[in-house]
């Protein structure tokens, strides 16, 4: 991507503002469709994270280009959060991005953000590797700007076992990437995604040290495993405490849900308690559905949406 196109993308538009075996008929309505419940009644907006359909996408039954249409037509969701893994070779492909943007415009679907993985560690203790990781993210900043997103979601997984050394590397990596993204009007938002980044105190201290308005957090309700063992998570941070700590810096929220009880409540997370934390922080932006199911991804998305709407109405 040459400097001329980079400047054009940067400057353009500145003036433009495992499911449990339960019956879900009573939750979703007749014919297993999402019940009408306009998001305008809620204190937040609902978006769909592409990872919710990762098995369908990896299988080839759905493409990234088709994702926005499915979000709207199958779930009644008009805002999407992409995952770069599903169009990894398209960040610099102008024709592809133009087609994707055209489709979302025609669908009246908003492009919210792009989640970035596999581009290196922004908190790598090796300065040379950290520099490569920072620069690997540049193309996604540009793609996000072109698509009309407000941010890219990045990771701050530290390669060092020393929390202070990891923190210094994260502050440097995030600061430098944020400085690049600022002229584009694109935010750099960090998800709790394992290791030190799943420690709310550590991550919020990184935010305070970066101290840039366009660098913030993306609290995920479920990603609070600090240390993994052979049988799963060996050390887990309290999710309610972590989200509370991260919310003052939040520019997005990720609503994780994998299993539901007979009433349609999330088994892992008390959604009323969690969404009250979100509301009490004064947050009014998008809450992205990031459901997980090994059997029925569509059903998990519908259940998560219904739960968010039910809880949101109580709190709004």
C-alpha atoms as a PDB file:
ATOM      1  CA  UNK A   1       0.000   0.000   0.000  1.00  0.00           C
ATOM      2  CA  UNK A   2       1.633   3.209  -1.096  1.00  0.00           C
ATOM      3  CA  UNK A   3       1.786   6.471   0.811  1.00  0.00           C
ATOM      4  CA  UNK A   4      -0.761   8.174  -1.437  1.00  0.00           C
ATOM      5  CA  UNK A   5      -3.442   5.567  -0.785  1.00  0.00           C
ATOM      6  CA  UNK A   6      -2.587   5.474   2.902  1.00  0.00           C
ATOM      7  CA  UNK A   7      -3.036   9.235   3.156  1.00  0.00           C
ATOM      8  CA  UNK A   8      -6.306   9.016   1.241  1.00  0.00           C
ATOM      9  CA  UNK A   9      -7.755   6.353   3.513  1.00  0.00           C
ATOM     10  CA  UNK A  10      -6.547   8.188   6.602  1.00  0.00           C
ATOM     11  CA  UNK A  11      -7.989  11.535   5.612  1.00  0.00           C
ATOM     12  CA  UNK A  12     -11.187  10.433   3.875  1.00  0.00           C
ATOM     13  CA  UNK A  13     -14.442  10.774   5.738  1.00  0.00           C
ATOM     14  CA  UNK A  14     -13.143  13.107   8.437  1.00  0.00           C
ATOM     15  CA  UNK A  15     -16.292  15.138   8.193  1.00  0.00           C
ATOM     16  CA  UNK A  16     -18.606  12.129   8.421  1.00  0.00           C
ATOM     17  CA  UNK A  17     -19.584  11.996  11.559  1.00  0.00           C
ATOM     18  CA  UNK A  18     -21.928 -26.120  24.056  1.00  0.00           C
ATOM     19  CA  UNK A  19     -25.636 -25.572  24.185  1.00  0.00           C
ATOM     20  CA  UNK A  20     -27.573 -27.572  26.697  1.00  0.00           C
ATOM     21  CA  UNK A  21     -30.470 -29.659  25.413  1.00  0.00           C
ATOM     22  CA  UNK A  22     -33.296 -27.267  26.224  1.00  0.00           C
ATOM     23  CA  UNK A  23     -36.510 -26.172  24.607  1.00  0.00           C
ATOM     24  CA  UNK A  24     -36.080 -22.632  23.340  1.00  0.00           C
ATOM     25  CA  UNK A  25     -39.510 -22.118  21.766  1.00  0.00           C
ATOM     26  CA  UNK A  26     -40.765 -19.929  24.621  1.00  0.00           C
ATOM     27  CA  UNK A  27     -37.572 -17.871  24.529  1.00  0.00           C
ATOM     28  CA  UNK A  28     -37.286 -17.350  20.809  1.00  0.00           C
ATOM     29  CA  UNK A  29     -40.931 -17.365  19.764  1.00  0.00           C
ATOM     30  CA  UNK A  30     -42.739 -19.322  17.076  1.00  0.00           C
ATOM     31  CA  UNK A  31     -40.789 -21.136  14.378  1.00  0.00           C
ATOM     32  CA  UNK A  32     -37.594 -20.645  16.398  1.00  0.00           C
ATOM     33  CA  UNK A  33     -37.271 -17.058  15.209  1.00  0.00           C
ATOM     34  CA  UNK A  34     -35.868 -14.189  17.250  1.00  0.00           C
ATOM     35  CA  UNK A  35     -38.768 -12.354  18.866  1.00  0.00           C
ATOM     36  CA  UNK A  36     -39.209  -8.732  17.836  1.00  0.00           C
ATOM     37  CA  UNK A  37     -37.525  -6.528  20.408  1.00  0.00           C
ATOM     38  CA  UNK A  38     -36.096  -3.278  19.037  1.00  0.00           C
ATOM     39  CA  UNK A  39     -32.658  -2.398  20.335  1.00  0.00           C
ATOM     40  CA  UNK A  40     -33.728   1.246  20.563  1.00  0.00           C
ATOM     41  CA  UNK A  41     -35.385   0.340  23.883  1.00  0.00           C
ATOM     42  CA  UNK A  42     -32.045  -0.684  25.386  1.00  0.00           C
ATOM     43  CA  UNK A  43     -29.278   1.414  26.941  1.00  0.00           C
ATOM     44  CA  UNK A  44     -26.794  -0.296  24.602  1.00  0.00           C
ATOM     45  CA  UNK A  45     -26.666  -1.449  20.982  1.00  0.00           C
ATOM     46  CA  UNK A  46     -26.294  -5.091  19.929  1.00  0.00           C
ATOM     47  CA  UNK A  47     -23.673  -6.251  17.440  1.00  0.00           C
ATOM     48  CA  UNK A  48     -22.567  -9.703  16.305  1.00  0.00           C
ATOM     49  CA  UNK A  49     -18.980 -10.869  16.631  1.00  0.00           C
ATOM     50  CA  UNK A  50     -17.960 -13.033  13.678  1.00  0.00           C
ATOM     51  CA  UNK A  51     -16.296 -15.576  15.971  1.00  0.00           C
ATOM     52  CA  UNK A  52     -19.788 -16.709  16.992  1.00  0.00           C
ATOM     53  CA  UNK A  53     -19.927 -18.413  13.580  1.00  0.00           C
ATOM     54  CA  UNK A  54     -16.319 -19.616  13.473  1.00  0.00           C
ATOM     55  CA  UNK A  55     -17.141 -23.295  12.845  1.00  0.00           C
ATOM     56  CA  UNK A  56     -19.479 -22.398   9.986  1.00  0.00           C
ATOM     57  CA  UNK A  57     -16.830 -20.095   8.517  1.00  0.00           C
ATOM     58  CA  UNK A  58     -13.941 -22.545   8.902  1.00  0.00           C
ATOM     59  CA  UNK A  59     -16.049 -25.230   7.244  1.00  0.00           C
ATOM     60  CA  UNK A  60     -16.576 -23.043   4.179  1.00  0.00           C
ATOM     61  CA  UNK A  61     -20.357 -22.960   4.572  1.00  0.00           C
ATOM     62  CA  UNK A  62     -20.192 -19.195   5.111  1.00  0.00           C
ATOM     63  CA  UNK A  63     -17.733 -16.562   3.922  1.00  0.00           C
ATOM     64  CA  UNK A  64     -16.674 -13.295   5.471  1.00  0.00           C
ATOM     65  CA  UNK A  65     -18.389 -11.483   2.586  1.00  0.00           C
ATOM     66  CA  UNK A  66     -21.681 -13.232   3.441  1.00  0.00           C
ATOM     67  CA  UNK A  67     -21.417 -12.637   7.191  1.00  0.00           C
ATOM     68  CA  UNK A  68     -23.143  -9.197   7.316  1.00  0.00           C
ATOM     69  CA  UNK A  69     -26.136 -10.513   5.367  1.00  0.00           C
ATOM     70  CA  UNK A  70     -26.504 -13.476   7.722  1.00  0.00           C
ATOM     71  CA  UNK A  71     -26.266 -11.179  10.751  1.00  0.00           C
ATOM     72  CA  UNK A  72     -29.167  -9.076   9.501  1.00  0.00           C
ATOM     73  CA  UNK A  73     -31.379 -11.656   7.813  1.00  0.00           C
ATOM     74  CA  UNK A  74     -31.010 -14.547  10.261  1.00  0.00           C
ATOM     75  CA  UNK A  75     -30.661 -12.682  13.555  1.00  0.00           C
ATOM     76  CA  UNK A  76     -31.998  -9.174  13.010  1.00  0.00           C
ATOM     77  CA  UNK A  77     -28.619  -7.659  13.948  1.00  0.00           C
ATOM     78  CA  UNK A  78     -27.509  -4.535  12.091  1.00  0.00           C
ATOM     79  CA  UNK A  79     -23.932  -4.180  13.376  1.00  0.00           C
ATOM     80  CA  UNK A  80     -21.010  -6.571  12.875  1.00  0.00           C
ATOM     81  CA  UNK A  81     -17.566  -7.193  14.336  1.00  0.00           C
ATOM     82  CA  UNK A  82     -15.182  -8.923  11.947  1.00  0.00           C
ATOM     83  CA  UNK A  83     -12.343 -11.341  12.739  1.00  0.00           C
ATOM     84  CA  UNK A  84      -9.294 -10.887  10.511  1.00  0.00           C
ATOM     85  CA  UNK A  85      -8.715 -14.655  10.332  1.00  0.00           C
ATOM     86  CA  UNK A  86     -11.630 -14.939   7.917  1.00  0.00           C
ATOM     87  CA  UNK A  87     -10.245 -12.472   5.377  1.00  0.00           C
ATOM     88  CA  UNK A  88      -6.603 -12.456   6.352  1.00  0.00           C
ATOM     89  CA  UNK A  89      -5.282 -11.951   2.814  1.00  0.00           C
ATOM     90  CA  UNK A  90      -7.724  -9.125   1.996  1.00  0.00           C
ATOM     91  CA  UNK A  91      -6.481  -6.266   4.187  1.00  0.00           C
ATOM     92  CA  UNK A  92      -4.814  -4.593   1.187  1.00  0.00           C
ATOM     93  CA  UNK A  93      -7.334  -5.771  -1.405  1.00  0.00           C
ATOM     94  CA  UNK A  94      -9.191  -2.617  -2.453  1.00  0.00           C
ATOM     95  CA  UNK A  95     -11.735  -4.393  -4.643  1.00  0.00           C
ATOM     96  CA  UNK A  96     -12.631  -6.820  -1.861  1.00  0.00           C
ATOM     97  CA  UNK A  97     -12.998  -4.079   0.736  1.00  0.00           C
ATOM     98  CA  UNK A  98     -15.080  -1.961  -1.650  1.00  0.00           C
ATOM     99  CA  UNK A  99     -17.436  -4.890  -2.267  1.00  0.00           C
ATOM    100  CA  UNK A 100     -17.738  -5.619   1.453  1.00  0.00           C
ATOM    101  CA  UNK A 101     -18.424  -1.970   2.234  1.00  0.00           C
ATOM    102  CA  UNK A 102     -20.957  -1.753  -0.602  1.00  0.00           C
ATOM    103  CA  UNK A 103     -22.823  -4.784   0.686  1.00  0.00           C
ATOM    104  CA  UNK A 104     -23.015  -3.497   4.239  1.00  0.00           C
ATOM    105  CA  UNK A 105     -24.184  -0.105   2.999  1.00  0.00           C
ATOM    106  CA  UNK A 106     -26.935  -1.742   0.935  1.00  0.00           C
ATOM    107  CA  UNK A 107     -27.924  -3.916   3.908  1.00  0.00           C
ATOM    108  CA  UNK A 108     -27.864  -0.960   6.310  1.00  0.00           C
ATOM    109  CA  UNK A 109     -25.435  -2.919   8.480  1.00  0.00           C
ATOM    110  CA  UNK A 110     -22.789  -1.034  10.436  1.00  0.00           C
ATOM    111  CA  UNK A 111     -19.160  -2.190  10.456  1.00  0.00           C
ATOM    112  CA  UNK A 112     -18.116  -1.792  14.096  1.00  0.00           C
ATOM    113  CA  UNK A 113     -14.598  -3.183  14.430  1.00  0.00           C
ATOM    114  CA  UNK A 114     -12.103  -5.796  13.271  1.00  0.00           C
ATOM    115  CA  UNK A 115     -10.631  -8.283  15.758  1.00  0.00           C
ATOM    116  CA  UNK A 116      -6.964  -8.869  14.975  1.00  0.00           C
ATOM    117  CA  UNK A 117      -5.118 -12.098  15.705  1.00  0.00           C
ATOM    118  CA  UNK A 118      -1.975 -13.711  14.355  1.00  0.00           C
ATOM    119  CA  UNK A 119      -0.007 -10.528  13.610  1.00  0.00           C
ATOM    120  CA  UNK A 120       2.587 -10.863  16.337  1.00  0.00           C
ATOM    121  CA  UNK A 121       2.729  -9.811  19.991  1.00  0.00           C
ATOM    122  CA  UNK A 122       2.348  -6.104  20.703  1.00  0.00           C
ATOM    123  CA  UNK A 123       3.742  -6.838  24.173  1.00  0.00           C
ATOM    124  CA  UNK A 124       6.711  -8.879  22.965  1.00  0.00           C
ATOM    125  CA  UNK A 125       9.774  -8.257  25.135  1.00  0.00           C
ATOM    126  CA  UNK A 126      11.968  -8.494  22.047  1.00  0.00           C
ATOM    127  CA  UNK A 127      11.951  -4.952  20.656  1.00  0.00           C
ATOM    128  CA  UNK A 128      12.577  -6.056  17.074  1.00  0.00           C
ATOM    129  CA  UNK A 129       9.700  -8.557  17.170  1.00  0.00           C
ATOM    130  CA  UNK A 130       7.481  -5.974  18.833  1.00  0.00           C
ATOM    131  CA  UNK A 131       8.231  -3.500  16.038  1.00  0.00           C
ATOM    132  CA  UNK A 132       7.242  -6.084  13.418  1.00  0.00           C
ATOM    133  CA  UNK A 133       4.004  -6.792  15.289  1.00  0.00           C
ATOM    134  CA  UNK A 134       3.171  -3.085  15.476  1.00  0.00           C
ATOM    135  CA  UNK A 135       3.739  -2.619  11.750  1.00  0.00           C
ATOM    136  CA  UNK A 136       1.780  -5.786  10.925  1.00  0.00           C
ATOM    137  CA  UNK A 137      -1.279  -4.075  12.397  1.00  0.00           C
ATOM    138  CA  UNK A 138      -0.997  -0.987  10.173  1.00  0.00           C
ATOM    139  CA  UNK A 139      -2.864  -2.579   7.267  1.00  0.00           C
ATOM    140  CA  UNK A 140      -5.771  -3.469   9.553  1.00  0.00           C
ATOM    141  CA  UNK A 141      -5.997   0.102  10.813  1.00  0.00           C
ATOM    142  CA  UNK A 142      -6.289   1.190   7.187  1.00  0.00           C
ATOM    143  CA  UNK A 143      -8.842  -1.503   6.367  1.00  0.00           C
ATOM    144  CA  UNK A 144     -10.915  -0.552   9.419  1.00  0.00           C
ATOM    145  CA  UNK A 145     -10.879   3.082   8.331  1.00  0.00           C
ATOM    146  CA  UNK A 146     -11.984   2.139   4.813  1.00  0.00           C
ATOM    147  CA  UNK A 147     -14.866   0.003   6.103  1.00  0.00           C
ATOM    148  CA  UNK A 148     -16.049   2.687   8.523  1.00  0.00           C
ATOM    149  CA  UNK A 149     -15.188   0.821  11.731  1.00  0.00           C
ATOM    150  CA  UNK A 150     -14.398   2.751  14.888  1.00  0.00           C
ATOM    151  CA  UNK A 151     -11.593   0.474  16.138  1.00  0.00           C
ATOM    152  CA  UNK A 152      -9.492  -2.619  15.782  1.00  0.00           C
ATOM    153  CA  UNK A 153      -9.356  -5.079  18.657  1.00  0.00           C
ATOM    154  CA  UNK A 154      -5.806  -6.138  19.502  1.00  0.00           C
ATOM    155  CA  UNK A 155      -4.150  -8.400  22.060  1.00  0.00           C
ATOM    156  CA  UNK A 156      -1.621  -7.465  24.719  1.00  0.00           C
ATOM    157  CA  UNK A 157      -0.353 -10.939  25.510  1.00  0.00           C
ATOM    158  CA  UNK A 158       3.091 -10.534  27.103  1.00  0.00           C
ATOM    159  CA  UNK A 159       5.896 -12.903  26.151  1.00  0.00           C
ATOM    160  CA  UNK A 160       7.731 -12.262  29.434  1.00  0.00           C
ATOM    161  CA  UNK A 161       6.911 -14.083  32.659  1.00  0.00           C
ATOM    162  CA  UNK A 162       7.690 -10.882  34.547  1.00  0.00           C
ATOM    163  CA  UNK A 163       4.524  -8.735  34.867  1.00  0.00           C
ATOM    164  CA  UNK A 164       6.504  -5.487  35.035  1.00  0.00           C
ATOM    165  CA  UNK A 165       8.569  -6.319  31.951  1.00  0.00           C
ATOM    166  CA  UNK A 166       5.417  -7.429  30.139  1.00  0.00           C
ATOM    167  CA  UNK A 167       3.665  -4.232  31.137  1.00  0.00           C
ATOM    168  CA  UNK A 168       6.479  -2.045  29.822  1.00  0.00           C
ATOM    169  CA  UNK A 169       6.410  -3.869  26.498  1.00  0.00           C
ATOM    170  CA  UNK A 170       2.607  -3.579  26.269  1.00  0.00           C
ATOM    171  CA  UNK A 171       2.691   0.144  26.999  1.00  0.00           C
ATOM    172  CA  UNK A 172       5.293   0.688  24.293  1.00  0.00           C
ATOM    173  CA  UNK A 173       3.585  -1.471  21.673  1.00  0.00           C
ATOM    174  CA  UNK A 174       0.122  -0.045  22.259  1.00  0.00           C
ATOM    175  CA  UNK A 175       1.374   3.540  22.437  1.00  0.00           C
ATOM    176  CA  UNK A 176       3.180   3.290  19.115  1.00  0.00           C
ATOM    177  CA  UNK A 177       0.283   1.588  17.344  1.00  0.00           C
ATOM    178  CA  UNK A 178      -2.166   4.123  18.768  1.00  0.00           C
ATOM    179  CA  UNK A 179      -0.003   6.976  17.495  1.00  0.00           C
ATOM    180  CA  UNK A 180      -0.167   5.470  14.006  1.00  0.00           C
ATOM    181  CA  UNK A 181      -3.944   4.967  14.200  1.00  0.00           C
ATOM    182  CA  UNK A 182      -4.841   8.388  15.614  1.00  0.00           C
ATOM    183  CA  UNK A 183      -4.778  10.286  12.273  1.00  0.00           C
ATOM    184  CA  UNK A 184      -7.126   7.650  10.829  1.00  0.00           C
ATOM    185  CA  UNK A 185      -9.601   8.121  13.658  1.00  0.00           C
ATOM    186  CA  UNK A 186      -9.313   4.442  14.541  1.00  0.00           C
ATOM    187  CA  UNK A 187      -9.235   3.256  18.137  1.00  0.00           C
ATOM    188  CA  UNK A 188      -6.912   0.573  19.465  1.00  0.00           C
ATOM    189  CA  UNK A 189      -8.821  -1.531  21.957  1.00  0.00           C
ATOM    190  CA  UNK A 190      -7.426  -4.391  24.008  1.00  0.00           C
ATOM    191  CA  UNK A 191      -9.353  -7.504  24.990  1.00  0.00           C
ATOM    192  CA  UNK A 192      -8.621  -9.559  28.078  1.00  0.00           C
ATOM    193  CA  UNK A 193      -7.264 -12.540  26.201  1.00  0.00           C
ATOM    194  CA  UNK A 194      -5.107 -14.645  28.488  1.00  0.00           C
ATOM    195  CA  UNK A 195      -1.965 -14.203  30.543  1.00  0.00           C
ATOM    196  CA  UNK A 196      -1.438 -10.856  32.250  1.00  0.00           C
ATOM    197  CA  UNK A 197      -4.047  -9.252  29.974  1.00  0.00           C
ATOM    198  CA  UNK A 198      -6.737 -11.205  31.851  1.00  0.00           C
ATOM    199  CA  UNK A 199      -5.719  -9.495  35.087  1.00  0.00           C
ATOM    200  CA  UNK A 200      -7.895  -6.413  35.378  1.00  0.00           C
ATOM    201  CA  UNK A 201      -5.425  -4.462  37.519  1.00  0.00           C
ATOM    202  CA  UNK A 202      -2.527  -5.188  35.143  1.00  0.00           C
ATOM    203  CA  UNK A 203      -4.467  -4.228  32.023  1.00  0.00           C
ATOM    204  CA  UNK A 204      -5.979  -1.058  33.460  1.00  0.00           C
ATOM    205  CA  UNK A 205      -2.537   0.024  34.645  1.00  0.00           C
ATOM    206  CA  UNK A 206      -1.331  -0.431  31.050  1.00  0.00           C
ATOM    207  CA  UNK A 207      -4.205   1.803  29.896  1.00  0.00           C
ATOM    208  CA  UNK A 208      -3.285   4.464  32.443  1.00  0.00           C
ATOM    209  CA  UNK A 209       0.336   4.447  31.317  1.00  0.00           C
ATOM    210  CA  UNK A 210      -0.533   4.591  27.612  1.00  0.00           C
ATOM    211  CA  UNK A 211      -2.839   7.492  28.496  1.00  0.00           C
ATOM    212  CA  UNK A 212      -4.255   8.078  25.028  1.00  0.00           C
ATOM    213  CA  UNK A 213      -7.982   8.720  24.444  1.00  0.00           C
ATOM    214  CA  UNK A 214      -8.153   6.392  21.447  1.00  0.00           C
ATOM    215  CA  UNK A 215      -6.581   3.442  23.277  1.00  0.00           C
ATOM    216  CA  UNK A 216      -9.038   1.507  25.395  1.00  0.00           C
ATOM    217  CA  UNK A 217     -10.369  -1.885  26.365  1.00  0.00           C
ATOM    218  CA  UNK A 218     -12.827  -4.482  25.090  1.00  0.00           C
ATOM    219  CA  UNK A 219     -14.003  -6.310  28.225  1.00  0.00           C
ATOM    220  CA  UNK A 220     -14.944  -9.905  27.437  1.00  0.00           C
ATOM    221  CA  UNK A 221     -17.237 -11.592  29.955  1.00  0.00           C
ATOM    222  CA  UNK A 222     -15.430 -14.916  29.733  1.00  0.00           C
ATOM    223  CA  UNK A 223     -11.726 -14.491  28.924  1.00  0.00           C
ATOM    224  CA  UNK A 224     -10.297 -14.302  32.433  1.00  0.00           C
ATOM    225  CA  UNK A 225      -7.960 -17.292  32.478  1.00  0.00           C
ATOM    226  CA  UNK A 226      -4.559 -15.981  33.583  1.00  0.00           C
ATOM    227  CA  UNK A 227      -2.782 -19.337  33.586  1.00  0.00           C
ATOM    228  CA  UNK A 228      -3.703 -22.591  31.872  1.00  0.00           C
ATOM    229  CA  UNK A 229      -2.899 -26.065  33.158  1.00  0.00           C
ATOM    230  CA  UNK A 230      -3.129 -29.548  31.643  1.00  0.00           C
ATOM    231  CA  UNK A 231      -6.787 -29.836  32.685  1.00  0.00           C
ATOM    232  CA  UNK A 232      -7.940 -26.352  31.741  1.00  0.00           C
ATOM    233  CA  UNK A 233      -7.661 -23.020  33.503  1.00  0.00           C
ATOM    234  CA  UNK A 234      -5.330 -23.199  36.494  1.00  0.00           C
ATOM    235  CA  UNK A 235      -5.728 -19.579  37.576  1.00  0.00           C
ATOM    236  CA  UNK A 236      -8.813 -17.538  36.847  1.00  0.00           C
ATOM    237  CA  UNK A 237      -9.456 -13.863  37.557  1.00  0.00           C
ATOM    238  CA  UNK A 238     -12.864 -12.893  38.907  1.00  0.00           C
ATOM    239  CA  UNK A 239     -14.859 -11.902  35.813  1.00  0.00           C
ATOM    240  CA  UNK A 240     -17.101  -9.381  37.557  1.00  0.00           C
ATOM    241  CA  UNK A 241     -14.155  -7.670  39.209  1.00  0.00           C
ATOM    242  CA  UNK A 242     -12.239  -7.667  35.924  1.00  0.00           C
ATOM    243  CA  UNK A 243     -15.061  -6.165  33.864  1.00  0.00           C
ATOM    244  CA  UNK A 244     -15.665  -3.535  36.565  1.00  0.00           C
ATOM    245  CA  UNK A 245     -11.998  -2.547  36.399  1.00  0.00           C
ATOM    246  CA  UNK A 246     -11.915  -2.445  32.596  1.00  0.00           C
ATOM    247  CA  UNK A 247     -15.175  -0.584  31.953  1.00  0.00           C
ATOM    248  CA  UNK A 248     -13.829   2.946  32.541  1.00  0.00           C
ATOM    249  CA  UNK A 249     -11.618   2.402  29.470  1.00  0.00           C
ATOM    250  CA  UNK A 250     -14.142   0.391  27.418  1.00  0.00           C
ATOM    251  CA  UNK A 251     -14.836   1.235  23.789  1.00  0.00           C
ATOM    252  CA  UNK A 252     -16.594  -2.072  23.216  1.00  0.00           C
ATOM    253  CA  UNK A 253     -17.985  -5.006  25.206  1.00  0.00           C
ATOM    254  CA  UNK A 254     -17.928  -8.689  24.297  1.00  0.00           C
ATOM    255  CA  UNK A 255     -20.863 -10.751  25.595  1.00  0.00           C
ATOM    256  CA  UNK A 256     -19.537 -14.302  25.895  1.00  0.00           C
ATOM    257  CA  UNK A 257     -22.046 -17.137  26.365  1.00  0.00           C
ATOM    258  CA  UNK A 258     -21.705 -20.868  25.713  1.00  0.00           C
ATOM    259  CA  UNK A 259     -24.295 -22.762  27.730  1.00  0.00           C
ATOM    260  CA  UNK A 260     -27.832 -21.893  28.779  1.00  0.00           C
ATOM    261  CA  UNK A 261     -30.335 -23.197  31.313  1.00  0.00           C
ATOM    262  CA  UNK A 262     -34.002 -23.980  30.655  1.00  0.00           C
ATOM    263  CA  UNK A 263     -34.960 -20.322  31.148  1.00  0.00           C
ATOM    264  CA  UNK A 264     -32.402 -19.148  28.609  1.00  0.00           C
ATOM    265  CA  UNK A 265     -29.959 -17.762  31.158  1.00  0.00           C
ATOM    266  CA  UNK A 266     -26.227 -18.082  30.596  1.00  0.00           C
ATOM    267  CA  UNK A 267     -24.770 -20.793  32.836  1.00  0.00           C
ATOM    268  CA  UNK A 268     -21.264 -19.301  33.125  1.00  0.00           C
ATOM    269  CA  UNK A 269     -22.159 -15.662  33.706  1.00  0.00           C
ATOM    270  CA  UNK A 270     -24.876 -13.822  35.599  1.00  0.00           C
ATOM    271  CA  UNK A 271     -25.911 -11.520  32.747  1.00  0.00           C
ATOM    272  CA  UNK A 272     -28.005  -9.221  34.933  1.00  0.00           C
ATOM    273  CA  UNK A 273     -25.077  -8.663  37.280  1.00  0.00           C
ATOM    274  CA  UNK A 274     -22.627  -8.228  34.407  1.00  0.00           C
ATOM    275  CA  UNK A 275     -24.780  -5.885  32.356  1.00  0.00           C
ATOM    276  CA  UNK A 276     -25.505  -3.783  35.447  1.00  0.00           C
ATOM    277  CA  UNK A 277     -21.734  -3.294  35.739  1.00  0.00           C
ATOM    278  CA  UNK A 278     -21.711  -2.209  32.097  1.00  0.00           C
ATOM    279  CA  UNK A 279     -24.591   0.219  32.622  1.00  0.00           C
ATOM    280  CA  UNK A 280     -23.234   1.647  35.884  1.00  0.00           C
ATOM    281  CA  UNK A 281     -20.054   2.562  33.996  1.00  0.00           C
ATOM    282  CA  UNK A 282     -22.164   4.801  31.737  1.00  0.00           C
ATOM    283  CA  UNK A 283     -21.510   2.671  28.674  1.00  0.00           C
ATOM    284  CA  UNK A 284     -23.958   3.085  25.776  1.00  0.00           C
ATOM    285  CA  UNK A 285     -22.059   1.559  22.847  1.00  0.00           C
ATOM    286  CA  UNK A 286     -22.195  -1.833  21.150  1.00  0.00           C
ATOM    287  CA  UNK A 287     -22.290  -5.081  23.090  1.00  0.00           C
ATOM    288  CA  UNK A 288     -21.049  -7.769  20.743  1.00  0.00           C
ATOM    289  CA  UNK A 289     -22.555 -11.239  20.910  1.00  0.00           C
ATOM    290  CA  UNK A 290     -19.719 -13.774  21.032  1.00  0.00           C
ATOM    291  CA  UNK A 291     -21.562 -16.994  21.704  1.00  0.00           C
ATOM    292  CA  UNK A 292     -20.062 -20.430  21.437  1.00  0.00           C
ATOM    293  CA  UNK A 293     -21.565 -23.768  20.524  1.00  0.00           C
ATOM    294  CA  UNK A 294     -20.162 -27.014  19.194  1.00  0.00           C
ATOM    295  CA  UNK A 295     -23.599 -28.100  17.981  1.00  0.00           C
ATOM    296  CA  UNK A 296     -25.703 -25.120  16.898  1.00  0.00           C
ATOM    297  CA  UNK A 297     -24.068 -21.735  16.454  1.00  0.00           C
ATOM    298  CA  UNK A 298     -27.218 -20.063  15.147  1.00  0.00           C
ATOM    299  CA  UNK A 299     -29.199 -21.157  18.187  1.00  0.00           C
ATOM    300  CA  UNK A 300     -26.520 -19.888  20.559  1.00  0.00           C
ATOM    301  CA  UNK A 301     -26.561 -16.471  18.878  1.00  0.00           C
ATOM    302  CA  UNK A 302     -30.350 -16.264  19.122  1.00  0.00           C
ATOM    303  CA  UNK A 303     -30.314 -17.266  22.782  1.00  0.00           C
ATOM    304  CA  UNK A 304     -27.605 -14.734  23.625  1.00  0.00           C
ATOM    305  CA  UNK A 305     -29.478 -11.988  21.794  1.00  0.00           C
ATOM    306  CA  UNK A 306     -32.725 -12.861  23.586  1.00  0.00           C
ATOM    307  CA  UNK A 307     -30.898 -12.828  26.930  1.00  0.00           C
ATOM    308  CA  UNK A 308     -29.285  -9.452  26.255  1.00  0.00           C
ATOM    309  CA  UNK A 309     -32.652  -8.006  25.268  1.00  0.00           C
ATOM    310  CA  UNK A 310     -34.385  -9.447  28.341  1.00  0.00           C
ATOM    311  CA  UNK A 311     -31.737  -8.181  30.743  1.00  0.00           C
ATOM    312  CA  UNK A 312     -31.369  -4.903  28.865  1.00  0.00           C
ATOM    313  CA  UNK A 313     -35.074  -4.153  29.197  1.00  0.00           C
ATOM    314  CA  UNK A 314     -34.919  -4.693  32.952  1.00  0.00           C
ATOM    315  CA  UNK A 315     -31.960  -2.332  33.261  1.00  0.00           C
ATOM    316  CA  UNK A 316     -32.992   0.308  30.722  1.00  0.00           C
END
